Amino acid sequence: MTAAPIALSLGDPAGVGPEIIAGAWRALRTTGPVFAVSGDAASLRRVGAPALSIETLTKASACFADALPVVDQPLASAVAPGAPDPAAAAAIIAWIETAAALALAGEAGAVVTAPIAKALLYGAGFRFAGHTEFLAELTGGAKPVMMLTANGLRCALVTIHEPISKVSGLLSPKAIVAAGLTTHAALKQDFGIERPRLAVAALNPHAGESGALGDEEARIIRPAIDQLRAAGVEASGPHPADTLFHAEARENYDAALCMFHDQALIPVKMLDFWRGVNVTLGLPIVRTSPDHGVAYDLAGKGRARPDSLIAAIRLAAEIAARRASQ
């Protein structure tokens, strides 16, 4: 495990973030990984967590078994569970910025982000499609790749939060190659796979059926695969997505490179709905998150499960430790 604590941003305090963080602390407090929350300590105390304000992350390890350490940046007023409040938007953004800054400074070994609702933040000047794009800018502007993983399946995305009507126009050999190279490098550096195998998904049914159902495979995806192979990447495809994710198929690759959001997220969530993890590839810091949203409808009802957050914390620690040993 990484020696430096993980910085965990609180996310939207009106969502399930405080509850799943409290649950994750209870599950991990005696075993680790150690984490500290960038957020509002009072929101955590309201869900029963013994939050302890700390000034620096160096104090997190000493108290973690007995208290949940918090780099406290208080809300101006309390937020009720299930009732998103635009007045909290600036604080939510600041909590993410603090966590990223701690990781960039080497004080945190990784960043784990609890869920946010992007629409709530737009009035406070947030101009990003999600955490992934925001963290990319905060850490230097690299082009990130979103990867979802659960139970051994890894799915990286070429396009992320885009309307399905726009996906075809956004695909290009350049975009696919860039995502493939970033995924290949991360599989080696962060997952310890010496010779990663990428399975590239088709966009259209039956991989276009020789052009009868679309020409993106011949015009865009196959040329990108050829370029990846020329760059030394073991890439195959384009594979019809409906035959790519069953158990036998998964034995033939280390990650699937998917063309759009649901093509990747549906198989991951079907395979293990409660323990999926979102990993951002291509950043100078380690970042993971639970693979679910704010769940306002569950907030405050005692039904939110911390499984995905626990998996995200553990994976972040594993990746950080692997990077530190290189």
C-alpha atoms as a PDB file:
ATOM      1  CA  MET A   1       0.000   0.000   0.000  1.00  0.00           C
ATOM      2  CA  THR A   2       1.047   3.595  -0.562  1.00  0.00           C
ATOM      3  CA  ALA A   3       2.721   5.229   2.461  1.00  0.00           C
ATOM      4  CA  ALA A   4       1.138   8.622   1.750  1.00  0.00           C
ATOM      5  CA  PRO A   5      -2.549   8.890   2.682  1.00  0.00           C
ATOM      6  CA  ILE A   6      -5.172   9.105  -0.037  1.00  0.00           C
ATOM      7  CA  ALA A   7      -7.027  12.408  -0.450  1.00  0.00           C
ATOM      8  CA  LEU A   8     -10.755  11.761  -0.791  1.00  0.00           C
ATOM      9  CA  SER A   9     -12.955  14.650  -1.922  1.00  0.00           C
ATOM     10  CA  LEU A  10     -16.362  14.707  -0.227  1.00  0.00           C
ATOM     11  CA  GLY A  11     -18.414  15.233  -3.381  1.00  0.00           C
ATOM     12  CA  ASP A  12     -21.951  16.589  -3.096  1.00  0.00           C
ATOM     13  CA  PRO A  13     -22.880  16.646   0.607  1.00  0.00           C
ATOM     14  CA  ALA A  14     -26.558  16.304  -0.318  1.00  0.00           C
ATOM     15  CA  GLY A  15     -25.854  12.984  -2.000  1.00  0.00           C
ATOM     16  CA  VAL A  16     -24.624   9.685  -0.605  1.00  0.00           C
ATOM     17  CA  GLY A  17     -20.992  10.853  -0.418  1.00  0.00           C
ATOM     18  CA  PRO A  18     -20.881  11.428   3.361  1.00  0.00           C
ATOM     19  CA  GLU A  19     -22.578   8.090   4.066  1.00  0.00           C
ATOM     20  CA  ILE A  20     -20.386   5.961   1.811  1.00  0.00           C
ATOM     21  CA  ILE A  21     -17.253   7.715   3.094  1.00  0.00           C
ATOM     22  CA  ALA A  22     -18.299   6.950   6.657  1.00  0.00           C
ATOM     23  CA  GLY A  23     -18.946   3.336   5.636  1.00  0.00           C
ATOM     24  CA  ALA A  24     -15.603   3.062   3.890  1.00  0.00           C
ATOM     25  CA  TRP A  25     -13.800   4.409   6.957  1.00  0.00           C
ATOM     26  CA  ARG A  26     -15.510   1.866   9.192  1.00  0.00           C
ATOM     27  CA  ALA A  27     -14.511  -0.947   6.826  1.00  0.00           C
ATOM     28  CA  LEU A  28     -10.890   0.188   6.412  1.00  0.00           C
ATOM     29  CA  ARG A  29      -9.978   1.923   9.663  1.00  0.00           C
ATOM     30  CA  THR A  30      -8.028  -1.038  11.090  1.00  0.00           C
ATOM     31  CA  THR A  31      -6.543  -2.345   7.846  1.00  0.00           C
ATOM     32  CA  GLY A  32      -6.130   0.716   5.620  1.00  0.00           C
ATOM     33  CA  PRO A  33      -5.550   2.127   3.130  1.00  0.00           C
ATOM     34  CA  VAL A  34      -5.438   5.353   5.125  1.00  0.00           C
ATOM     35  CA  PHE A  35      -7.357   8.263   3.651  1.00  0.00           C
ATOM     36  CA  ALA A  36      -8.291  11.775   4.653  1.00  0.00           C
ATOM     37  CA  VAL A  37     -11.317  13.692   3.406  1.00  0.00           C
ATOM     38  CA  SER A  38     -11.120  17.049   1.684  1.00  0.00           C
ATOM     39  CA  GLY A  39     -14.481  18.482   2.669  1.00  0.00           C
ATOM     40  CA  ASP A  40     -16.868  19.529   5.393  1.00  0.00           C
ATOM     41  CA  ALA A  41     -16.326  17.732   8.699  1.00  0.00           C
ATOM     42  CA  ALA A  42     -19.809  18.627   9.953  1.00  0.00           C
ATOM     43  CA  SER A  43     -21.436  16.772   7.030  1.00  0.00           C
ATOM     44  CA  LEU A  44     -19.545  13.639   8.047  1.00  0.00           C
ATOM     45  CA  ARG A  45     -20.433  13.996  11.715  1.00  0.00           C
ATOM     46  CA  ARG A  46     -24.109  14.225  10.761  1.00  0.00           C
ATOM     47  CA  VAL A  47     -23.928  10.684   9.342  1.00  0.00           C
ATOM     48  CA  GLY A  48     -22.227   9.345  12.460  1.00  0.00           C
ATOM     49  CA  ALA A  49     -18.579   9.489  11.446  1.00  0.00           C
ATOM     50  CA  PRO A  50     -16.147  10.639  14.166  1.00  0.00           C
ATOM     51  CA  ALA A  51     -14.589  13.278  11.917  1.00  0.00           C
ATOM     52  CA  LEU A  52     -11.373  14.857  13.197  1.00  0.00           C
ATOM     53  CA  SER A  53     -10.045  18.044  11.635  1.00  0.00           C
ATOM     54  CA  ILE A  54      -6.366  17.861  10.703  1.00  0.00           C
ATOM     55  CA  GLU A  55      -4.078  20.536   9.353  1.00  0.00           C
ATOM     56  CA  THR A  56      -1.840  18.289   7.252  1.00  0.00           C
ATOM     57  CA  LEU A  57      -2.174  14.799   5.783  1.00  0.00           C
ATOM     58  CA  THR A  58       0.868  13.665   7.742  1.00  0.00           C
ATOM     59  CA  LYS A  59      -1.418  13.411  10.790  1.00  0.00           C
ATOM     60  CA  ALA A  60      -3.920  11.109   9.098  1.00  0.00           C
ATOM     61  CA  SER A  61      -2.208   7.791   9.781  1.00  0.00           C
ATOM     62  CA  ALA A  62      -1.888   8.359  13.526  1.00  0.00           C
ATOM     63  CA  CYS A  63      -5.611   8.952  14.044  1.00  0.00           C
ATOM     64  CA  PHE A  64      -7.167   6.828  11.301  1.00  0.00           C
ATOM     65  CA  ALA A  65      -8.022   3.816  13.457  1.00  0.00           C
ATOM     66  CA  ASP A  66     -10.032   5.973  15.858  1.00  0.00           C
ATOM     67  CA  ALA A  67     -11.267   8.934  13.805  1.00  0.00           C
ATOM     68  CA  LEU A  68     -11.929   9.940  10.218  1.00  0.00           C
ATOM     69  CA  PRO A  69      -9.354  12.628   9.368  1.00  0.00           C
ATOM     70  CA  VAL A  70     -10.688  15.665   7.497  1.00  0.00           C
ATOM     71  CA  VAL A  71      -8.929  18.606   5.897  1.00  0.00           C
ATOM     72  CA  ASP A  72     -11.869  20.724   6.961  1.00  0.00           C
ATOM     73  CA  GLN A  73     -13.250  23.331   4.568  1.00  0.00           C
ATOM     74  CA  PRO A  74     -16.649  24.035   6.118  1.00  0.00           C
ATOM     75  CA  LEU A  75     -19.868  24.777   4.288  1.00  0.00           C
ATOM     76  CA  ALA A  76     -21.438  28.144   4.998  1.00  0.00           C
ATOM     77  CA  SER A  77     -24.634  26.343   6.014  1.00  0.00           C
ATOM     78  CA  ALA A  78     -25.734  22.754   6.417  1.00  0.00           C
ATOM     79  CA  VAL A  79     -27.030  20.822   3.410  1.00  0.00           C
ATOM     80  CA  ALA A  80     -29.902  18.390   3.898  1.00  0.00           C
ATOM     81  CA  PRO A  81     -29.599  14.854   2.497  1.00  0.00           C
ATOM     82  CA  GLY A  82     -31.407  14.535  -0.813  1.00  0.00           C
ATOM     83  CA  ALA A  83     -31.793  18.307  -1.234  1.00  0.00           C
ATOM     84  CA  PRO A  84     -29.030  19.612  -3.523  1.00  0.00           C
ATOM     85  CA  ASP A  85     -28.131  23.193  -2.720  1.00  0.00           C
ATOM     86  CA  PRO A  86     -26.450  25.459  -5.320  1.00  0.00           C
ATOM     87  CA  ALA A  87     -24.938  27.409  -2.411  1.00  0.00           C
ATOM     88  CA  ALA A  88     -22.636  24.431  -1.797  1.00  0.00           C
ATOM     89  CA  ALA A  89     -21.277  24.374  -5.350  1.00  0.00           C
ATOM     90  CA  ALA A  90     -18.198  26.522  -4.752  1.00  0.00           C
ATOM     91  CA  ALA A  91     -17.188  24.395  -1.775  1.00  0.00           C
ATOM     92  CA  ILE A  92     -17.632  21.141  -3.738  1.00  0.00           C
ATOM     93  CA  ILE A  93     -15.315  22.470  -6.443  1.00  0.00           C
ATOM     94  CA  ALA A  94     -12.781  23.666  -3.860  1.00  0.00           C
ATOM     95  CA  TRP A  95     -12.694  20.234  -2.195  1.00  0.00           C
ATOM     96  CA  ILE A  96     -11.698  18.638  -5.509  1.00  0.00           C
ATOM     97  CA  GLU A  97      -9.062  21.312  -6.107  1.00  0.00           C
ATOM     98  CA  THR A  98      -7.579  20.725  -2.644  1.00  0.00           C
ATOM     99  CA  ALA A  99      -7.381  16.964  -3.137  1.00  0.00           C
ATOM    100  CA  ALA A 100      -5.658  17.377  -6.500  1.00  0.00           C
ATOM    101  CA  ALA A 101      -3.209  19.919  -5.086  1.00  0.00           C
ATOM    102  CA  LEU A 102      -2.284  17.555  -2.241  1.00  0.00           C
ATOM    103  CA  ALA A 103      -1.564  14.784  -4.723  1.00  0.00           C
ATOM    104  CA  LEU A 104       0.465  17.048  -7.001  1.00  0.00           C
ATOM    105  CA  ALA A 105       2.540  18.143  -4.002  1.00  0.00           C
ATOM    106  CA  GLY A 106       3.214  14.533  -3.050  1.00  0.00           C
ATOM    107  CA  GLU A 107       1.382  14.874   0.277  1.00  0.00           C
ATOM    108  CA  ALA A 108      -1.338  12.496  -0.935  1.00  0.00           C
ATOM    109  CA  GLY A 109      -0.524   9.248  -2.692  1.00  0.00           C
ATOM    110  CA  ALA A 110      -3.712   9.370  -4.773  1.00  0.00           C
ATOM    111  CA  VAL A 111      -7.047  11.112  -5.193  1.00  0.00           C
ATOM    112  CA  VAL A 112     -10.412   9.386  -4.821  1.00  0.00           C
ATOM    113  CA  THR A 113     -13.471  11.458  -5.649  1.00  0.00           C
ATOM    114  CA  ALA A 114     -16.942  10.950  -4.196  1.00  0.00           C
ATOM    115  CA  PRO A 115     -19.810  11.653  -6.615  1.00  0.00           C
ATOM    116  CA  ILE A 116     -20.851  15.094  -7.817  1.00  0.00           C
ATOM    117  CA  ALA A 117     -23.802  16.336  -9.888  1.00  0.00           C
ATOM    118  CA  LYS A 118     -22.307  18.485 -12.612  1.00  0.00           C
ATOM    119  CA  ALA A 119     -25.469  20.474 -13.298  1.00  0.00           C
ATOM    120  CA  LEU A 120     -25.410  21.778  -9.721  1.00  0.00           C
ATOM    121  CA  LEU A 121     -21.924  23.194 -10.263  1.00  0.00           C
ATOM    122  CA  TYR A 122     -22.404  25.039 -13.524  1.00  0.00           C
ATOM    123  CA  GLY A 123     -23.744  28.144 -11.801  1.00  0.00           C
ATOM    124  CA  ALA A 124     -20.493  28.360  -9.830  1.00  0.00           C
ATOM    125  CA  GLY A 125     -18.403  28.464 -12.987  1.00  0.00           C
ATOM    126  CA  PHE A 126     -17.775  24.754 -13.450  1.00  0.00           C
ATOM    127  CA  ARG A 127     -17.329  24.237 -17.187  1.00  0.00           C
ATOM    128  CA  PHE A 128     -16.386  20.584 -17.437  1.00  0.00           C
ATOM    129  CA  ALA A 129     -18.303  17.471 -18.420  1.00  0.00           C
ATOM    130  CA  GLY A 130     -17.157  15.754 -15.243  1.00  0.00           C
ATOM    131  CA  HIS A 131     -14.408  15.029 -12.741  1.00  0.00           C
ATOM    132  CA  THR A 132     -12.175  13.506 -15.412  1.00  0.00           C
ATOM    133  CA  GLU A 133     -11.934  16.634 -17.517  1.00  0.00           C
ATOM    134  CA  PHE A 134     -11.636  18.922 -14.479  1.00  0.00           C
ATOM    135  CA  LEU A 135      -8.769  16.931 -12.974  1.00  0.00           C
ATOM    136  CA  ALA A 136      -6.994  16.909 -16.319  1.00  0.00           C
ATOM    137  CA  GLU A 137      -6.911  20.707 -16.293  1.00  0.00           C
ATOM    138  CA  LEU A 138      -5.937  20.896 -12.615  1.00  0.00           C
ATOM    139  CA  THR A 139      -2.970  18.586 -13.206  1.00  0.00           C
ATOM    140  CA  GLY A 140      -1.517  20.103 -16.346  1.00  0.00           C
ATOM    141  CA  GLY A 141      -3.971  19.708 -19.202  1.00  0.00           C
ATOM    142  CA  ALA A 142      -3.141  16.175 -20.344  1.00  0.00           C
ATOM    143  CA  LYS A 143      -5.764  14.369 -22.420  1.00  0.00           C
ATOM    144  CA  PRO A 144      -7.156  11.795 -19.989  1.00  0.00           C
ATOM    145  CA  VAL A 145      -8.803   8.467 -20.668  1.00  0.00           C
ATOM    146  CA  MET A 146     -11.641   7.138 -18.529  1.00  0.00           C
ATOM    147  CA  MET A 147     -11.443   3.461 -17.695  1.00  0.00           C
ATOM    148  CA  LEU A 148     -14.030   1.441 -15.793  1.00  0.00           C
ATOM    149  CA  THR A 149     -13.032  -1.797 -14.126  1.00  0.00           C
ATOM    150  CA  ALA A 150     -14.777  -4.528 -12.172  1.00  0.00           C
ATOM    151  CA  ASN A 151     -14.009  -8.172 -11.497  1.00  0.00           C
ATOM    152  CA  GLY A 152     -11.092  -8.257 -13.934  1.00  0.00           C
ATOM    153  CA  LEU A 153     -12.844  -6.457 -16.806  1.00  0.00           C
ATOM    154  CA  ARG A 154     -11.273  -3.157 -17.889  1.00  0.00           C
ATOM    155  CA  CYS A 155     -13.037  -0.885 -20.374  1.00  0.00           C
ATOM    156  CA  ALA A 156     -11.387   2.312 -21.604  1.00  0.00           C
ATOM    157  CA  LEU A 157     -13.339   4.941 -23.526  1.00  0.00           C
ATOM    158  CA  VAL A 158     -12.477   6.919 -26.649  1.00  0.00           C
ATOM    159  CA  THR A 159     -15.387   9.337 -26.128  1.00  0.00           C
ATOM    160  CA  ILE A 160     -16.763   9.919 -22.656  1.00  0.00           C
ATOM    161  CA  HIS A 161     -19.772  12.094 -21.816  1.00  0.00           C
ATOM    162  CA  GLU A 162     -21.081  12.676 -25.321  1.00  0.00           C
ATOM    163  CA  PRO A 163     -24.583  12.374 -26.780  1.00  0.00           C
ATOM    164  CA  ILE A 164     -24.859   9.218 -28.829  1.00  0.00           C
ATOM    165  CA  SER A 165     -25.830  11.318 -31.864  1.00  0.00           C
ATOM    166  CA  LYS A 166     -22.390  12.963 -31.803  1.00  0.00           C
ATOM    167  CA  VAL A 167     -20.167   9.925 -31.236  1.00  0.00           C
ATOM    168  CA  SER A 168     -19.550   9.007 -34.869  1.00  0.00           C
ATOM    169  CA  GLY A 169     -18.494  12.551 -35.739  1.00  0.00           C
ATOM    170  CA  LEU A 170     -16.090  12.674 -32.797  1.00  0.00           C
ATOM    171  CA  LEU A 171     -14.307   9.439 -33.674  1.00  0.00           C
ATOM    172  CA  SER A 172     -11.091   9.635 -35.665  1.00  0.00           C
ATOM    173  CA  PRO A 173      -8.013   7.454 -36.048  1.00  0.00           C
ATOM    174  CA  LYS A 174      -6.094  10.083 -34.076  1.00  0.00           C
ATOM    175  CA  ALA A 175      -8.534   9.966 -31.133  1.00  0.00           C
ATOM    176  CA  ILE A 176      -8.609   6.167 -31.045  1.00  0.00           C
ATOM    177  CA  VAL A 177      -4.831   5.877 -31.265  1.00  0.00           C
ATOM    178  CA  ALA A 178      -4.347   8.437 -28.495  1.00  0.00           C
ATOM    179  CA  ALA A 179      -6.754   6.576 -26.203  1.00  0.00           C
ATOM    180  CA  GLY A 180      -5.150   3.263 -27.085  1.00  0.00           C
ATOM    181  CA  LEU A 181      -1.614   4.472 -26.369  1.00  0.00           C
ATOM    182  CA  THR A 182      -2.653   5.997 -23.041  1.00  0.00           C
ATOM    183  CA  THR A 183      -4.438   2.786 -22.057  1.00  0.00           C
ATOM    184  CA  HIS A 184      -1.482   0.646 -23.117  1.00  0.00           C
ATOM    185  CA  ALA A 185       0.942   2.748 -21.062  1.00  0.00           C
ATOM    186  CA  ALA A 186      -1.331   2.696 -17.995  1.00  0.00           C
ATOM    187  CA  LEU A 187      -1.786  -1.068 -18.148  1.00  0.00           C
ATOM    188  CA  LYS A 188       1.990  -1.398 -17.980  1.00  0.00           C
ATOM    189  CA  GLN A 189       2.701   1.295 -15.386  1.00  0.00           C
ATOM    190  CA  ASP A 190      -0.337   1.084 -13.130  1.00  0.00           C
ATOM    191  CA  PHE A 191      -1.492  -2.512 -13.493  1.00  0.00           C
ATOM    192  CA  GLY A 192       1.850  -4.266 -13.978  1.00  0.00           C
ATOM    193  CA  ILE A 193       0.921  -5.962 -17.270  1.00  0.00           C
ATOM    194  CA  GLU A 194       4.127  -6.434 -19.226  1.00  0.00           C
ATOM    195  CA  ARG A 195       2.551  -6.924 -22.677  1.00  0.00           C
ATOM    196  CA  PRO A 196      -0.967  -5.490 -22.631  1.00  0.00           C
ATOM    197  CA  ARG A 197      -3.532  -6.767 -25.118  1.00  0.00           C
ATOM    198  CA  LEU A 198      -6.184  -4.318 -26.325  1.00  0.00           C
ATOM    199  CA  ALA A 199      -9.462  -5.425 -27.872  1.00  0.00           C
ATOM    200  CA  VAL A 200     -10.897  -2.540 -29.884  1.00  0.00           C
ATOM    201  CA  ALA A 201     -14.694  -2.467 -30.051  1.00  0.00           C
ATOM    202  CA  ALA A 202     -16.618  -1.705 -33.207  1.00  0.00           C
ATOM    203  CA  LEU A 203     -19.107   1.146 -33.275  1.00  0.00           C
ATOM    204  CA  ASN A 204     -21.854  -0.437 -35.366  1.00  0.00           C
ATOM    205  CA  PRO A 205     -23.764  -3.720 -35.049  1.00  0.00           C
ATOM    206  CA  HIS A 206     -21.829  -6.681 -36.445  1.00  0.00           C
ATOM    207  CA  ALA A 207     -18.787  -4.383 -36.865  1.00  0.00           C
ATOM    208  CA  GLY A 208     -20.563  -2.646 -39.719  1.00  0.00           C
ATOM    209  CA  GLU A 209     -21.461  -5.822 -41.647  1.00  0.00           C
ATOM    210  CA  SER A 210     -18.896  -5.038 -44.379  1.00  0.00           C
ATOM    211  CA  GLY A 211     -20.239  -1.514 -44.679  1.00  0.00           C
ATOM    212  CA  ALA A 212     -23.933  -2.397 -44.837  1.00  0.00           C
ATOM    213  CA  LEU A 213     -24.508  -1.121 -41.290  1.00  0.00           C
ATOM    214  CA  GLY A 214     -21.990   1.697 -41.238  1.00  0.00           C
ATOM    215  CA  ASP A 215     -18.527   2.496 -42.550  1.00  0.00           C
ATOM    216  CA  GLU A 216     -16.805   3.769 -39.377  1.00  0.00           C
ATOM    217  CA  GLU A 217     -15.058   0.416 -38.884  1.00  0.00           C
ATOM    218  CA  ALA A 218     -13.366   0.513 -42.292  1.00  0.00           C
ATOM    219  CA  ARG A 219     -12.900   4.271 -42.442  1.00  0.00           C
ATOM    220  CA  ILE A 220     -11.814   5.065 -38.882  1.00  0.00           C
ATOM    221  CA  ILE A 221     -11.381   2.122 -36.519  1.00  0.00           C
ATOM    222  CA  ARG A 222      -9.336  -0.321 -38.627  1.00  0.00           C
ATOM    223  CA  PRO A 223      -6.811   2.370 -39.648  1.00  0.00           C
ATOM    224  CA  ALA A 224      -6.435   3.266 -35.961  1.00  0.00           C
ATOM    225  CA  ILE A 225      -5.793  -0.378 -35.073  1.00  0.00           C
ATOM    226  CA  ASP A 226      -3.148  -0.553 -37.788  1.00  0.00           C
ATOM    227  CA  GLN A 227      -1.454   2.527 -36.340  1.00  0.00           C
ATOM    228  CA  LEU A 228      -1.532   1.073 -32.831  1.00  0.00           C
ATOM    229  CA  ARG A 229       0.052  -2.132 -34.063  1.00  0.00           C
ATOM    230  CA  ALA A 230       2.726  -0.142 -35.886  1.00  0.00           C
ATOM    231  CA  ALA A 231       3.442   1.596 -32.571  1.00  0.00           C
ATOM    232  CA  GLY A 232       4.017  -1.757 -30.872  1.00  0.00           C
ATOM    233  CA  VAL A 233       0.616  -2.180 -29.240  1.00  0.00           C
ATOM    234  CA  GLU A 234      -0.984  -5.630 -29.378  1.00  0.00           C
ATOM    235  CA  ALA A 235      -4.390  -4.472 -30.602  1.00  0.00           C
ATOM    236  CA  SER A 236      -7.153  -6.529 -32.193  1.00  0.00           C
ATOM    237  CA  GLY A 237     -10.511  -5.756 -33.751  1.00  0.00           C
ATOM    238  CA  PRO A 238     -12.764  -4.081 -34.455  1.00  0.00           C
ATOM    239  CA  HIS A 239     -14.823  -6.549 -32.460  1.00  0.00           C
ATOM    240  CA  PRO A 240     -18.644  -6.505 -32.462  1.00  0.00           C
ATOM    241  CA  ALA A 241     -19.549  -5.274 -28.997  1.00  0.00           C
ATOM    242  CA  ASP A 242     -22.224  -7.928 -28.476  1.00  0.00           C
ATOM    243  CA  THR A 243     -19.581 -10.701 -28.502  1.00  0.00           C
ATOM    244  CA  LEU A 244     -16.785  -8.887 -26.700  1.00  0.00           C
ATOM    245  CA  PHE A 245     -17.665  -9.134 -23.017  1.00  0.00           C
ATOM    246  CA  HIS A 246     -18.603 -12.728 -22.203  1.00  0.00           C
ATOM    247  CA  ALA A 247     -16.188 -14.754 -20.072  1.00  0.00           C
ATOM    248  CA  GLU A 248     -14.396 -16.584 -22.887  1.00  0.00           C
ATOM    249  CA  ALA A 249     -13.842 -13.381 -24.865  1.00  0.00           C
ATOM    250  CA  ARG A 250     -12.420 -11.569 -21.832  1.00  0.00           C
ATOM    251  CA  GLU A 251      -9.637 -14.144 -21.582  1.00  0.00           C
ATOM    252  CA  ASN A 252      -8.173 -12.780 -24.826  1.00  0.00           C
ATOM    253  CA  TYR A 253      -7.511  -9.187 -23.783  1.00  0.00           C
ATOM    254  CA  ASP A 254      -6.417  -7.061 -20.842  1.00  0.00           C
ATOM    255  CA  ALA A 255      -8.606  -4.071 -21.686  1.00  0.00           C
ATOM    256  CA  ALA A 256     -11.368  -3.291 -24.143  1.00  0.00           C
ATOM    257  CA  LEU A 257     -11.164   0.030 -25.951  1.00  0.00           C
ATOM    258  CA  CYS A 258     -14.764   1.208 -26.306  1.00  0.00           C
ATOM    259  CA  MET A 259     -16.108   3.899 -28.580  1.00  0.00           C
ATOM    260  CA  PHE A 260     -18.714   5.484 -26.283  1.00  0.00           C
ATOM    261  CA  HIS A 261     -19.938   5.699 -22.706  1.00  0.00           C
ATOM    262  CA  ASP A 262     -22.584   2.988 -22.425  1.00  0.00           C
ATOM    263  CA  GLN A 263     -20.629   0.522 -24.547  1.00  0.00           C
ATOM    264  CA  ALA A 264     -18.135   0.399 -21.658  1.00  0.00           C
ATOM    265  CA  LEU A 265     -20.285   1.016 -18.609  1.00  0.00           C
ATOM    266  CA  ILE A 266     -23.059  -1.475 -19.284  1.00  0.00           C
ATOM    267  CA  PRO A 267     -20.814  -4.589 -19.274  1.00  0.00           C
ATOM    268  CA  VAL A 268     -18.846  -3.370 -16.244  1.00  0.00           C
ATOM    269  CA  LYS A 269     -22.004  -2.727 -14.232  1.00  0.00           C
ATOM    270  CA  MET A 270     -23.599  -5.971 -15.341  1.00  0.00           C
ATOM    271  CA  LEU A 271     -20.511  -7.881 -14.246  1.00  0.00           C
ATOM    272  CA  ASP A 272     -20.288  -6.305 -10.779  1.00  0.00           C
ATOM    273  CA  PHE A 273     -22.740  -3.494 -10.169  1.00  0.00           C
ATOM    274  CA  TRP A 274     -21.649  -2.774  -6.594  1.00  0.00           C
ATOM    275  CA  ARG A 275     -17.870  -2.799  -6.957  1.00  0.00           C
ATOM    276  CA  GLY A 276     -17.137  -1.047 -10.240  1.00  0.00           C
ATOM    277  CA  VAL A 277     -14.352   1.548 -10.167  1.00  0.00           C
ATOM    278  CA  ASN A 278     -13.654   4.511 -12.434  1.00  0.00           C
ATOM    279  CA  VAL A 279      -9.926   5.074 -13.073  1.00  0.00           C
ATOM    280  CA  THR A 280      -8.550   8.128 -14.865  1.00  0.00           C
ATOM    281  CA  LEU A 281      -5.609   7.181 -17.077  1.00  0.00           C
ATOM    282  CA  GLY A 282      -2.942   9.545 -18.355  1.00  0.00           C
ATOM    283  CA  LEU A 283      -2.745  11.920 -15.384  1.00  0.00           C
ATOM    284  CA  PRO A 284       0.414  12.679 -13.382  1.00  0.00           C
ATOM    285  CA  ILE A 285      -1.556  11.721 -10.251  1.00  0.00           C
ATOM    286  CA  VAL A 286      -3.516   8.583  -9.404  1.00  0.00           C
ATOM    287  CA  ARG A 287      -7.266   9.113  -9.453  1.00  0.00           C
ATOM    288  CA  THR A 288     -10.140   6.694  -8.967  1.00  0.00           C
ATOM    289  CA  SER A 289     -13.786   7.039  -8.012  1.00  0.00           C
ATOM    290  CA  PRO A 290     -16.815   4.874  -7.317  1.00  0.00           C
ATOM    291  CA  ASP A 291     -18.755   3.956 -10.423  1.00  0.00           C
ATOM    292  CA  HIS A 292     -22.048   5.583  -9.431  1.00  0.00           C
ATOM    293  CA  GLY A 293     -23.610   8.988  -8.970  1.00  0.00           C
ATOM    294  CA  VAL A 294     -24.870  11.133  -6.106  1.00  0.00           C
ATOM    295  CA  ALA A 295     -28.051   9.068  -5.584  1.00  0.00           C
ATOM    296  CA  TYR A 296     -30.084  11.868  -4.017  1.00  0.00           C
ATOM    297  CA  ASP A 297     -33.001   9.447  -3.680  1.00  0.00           C
ATOM    298  CA  LEU A 298     -30.972   7.255  -1.290  1.00  0.00           C
ATOM    299  CA  ALA A 299     -29.268  10.005   0.687  1.00  0.00           C
ATOM    300  CA  GLY A 300     -30.103  10.027   4.373  1.00  0.00           C
ATOM    301  CA  LYS A 301     -31.998   6.736   4.279  1.00  0.00           C
ATOM    302  CA  GLY A 302     -29.204   4.473   5.484  1.00  0.00           C
ATOM    303  CA  ARG A 303     -29.331   2.330   2.344  1.00  0.00           C
ATOM    304  CA  ALA A 304     -26.270   3.578   0.436  1.00  0.00           C
ATOM    305  CA  ARG A 305     -23.596   0.902   0.011  1.00  0.00           C
ATOM    306  CA  PRO A 306     -19.902   1.851   0.231  1.00  0.00           C
ATOM    307  CA  ASP A 307     -18.674  -1.153  -1.789  1.00  0.00           C
ATOM    308  CA  SER A 308     -17.677   0.795  -4.912  1.00  0.00           C
ATOM    309  CA  LEU A 309     -15.916   3.491  -2.895  1.00  0.00           C
ATOM    310  CA  ILE A 310     -14.010   0.875  -0.894  1.00  0.00           C
ATOM    311  CA  ALA A 311     -12.930  -0.786  -4.146  1.00  0.00           C
ATOM    312  CA  ALA A 312     -11.862   2.621  -5.517  1.00  0.00           C
ATOM    313  CA  ILE A 313      -9.778   3.391  -2.419  1.00  0.00           C
ATOM    314  CA  ARG A 314      -8.072   0.009  -2.529  1.00  0.00           C
ATOM    315  CA  LEU A 315      -7.318   0.242  -6.239  1.00  0.00           C
ATOM    316  CA  ALA A 316      -5.951   3.781  -5.853  1.00  0.00           C
ATOM    317  CA  ALA A 317      -3.602   2.555  -3.133  1.00  0.00           C
ATOM    318  CA  GLU A 318      -2.434  -0.376  -5.265  1.00  0.00           C
ATOM    319  CA  ILE A 319      -1.697   1.849  -8.269  1.00  0.00           C
ATOM    320  CA  ALA A 320       0.065   4.445  -6.114  1.00  0.00           C
ATOM    321  CA  ALA A 321       2.231   1.761  -4.521  1.00  0.00           C
ATOM    322  CA  ARG A 322       3.107   0.342  -7.917  1.00  0.00           C
ATOM    323  CA  ARG A 323       4.110   3.777  -9.235  1.00  0.00           C
ATOM    324  CA  ALA A 324       6.177   4.449  -6.119  1.00  0.00           C
ATOM    325  CA  SER A 325       8.118   1.221  -6.601  1.00  0.00           C
ATOM    326  CA  GLN A 326       9.104   1.983 -10.199  1.00  0.00           C
END
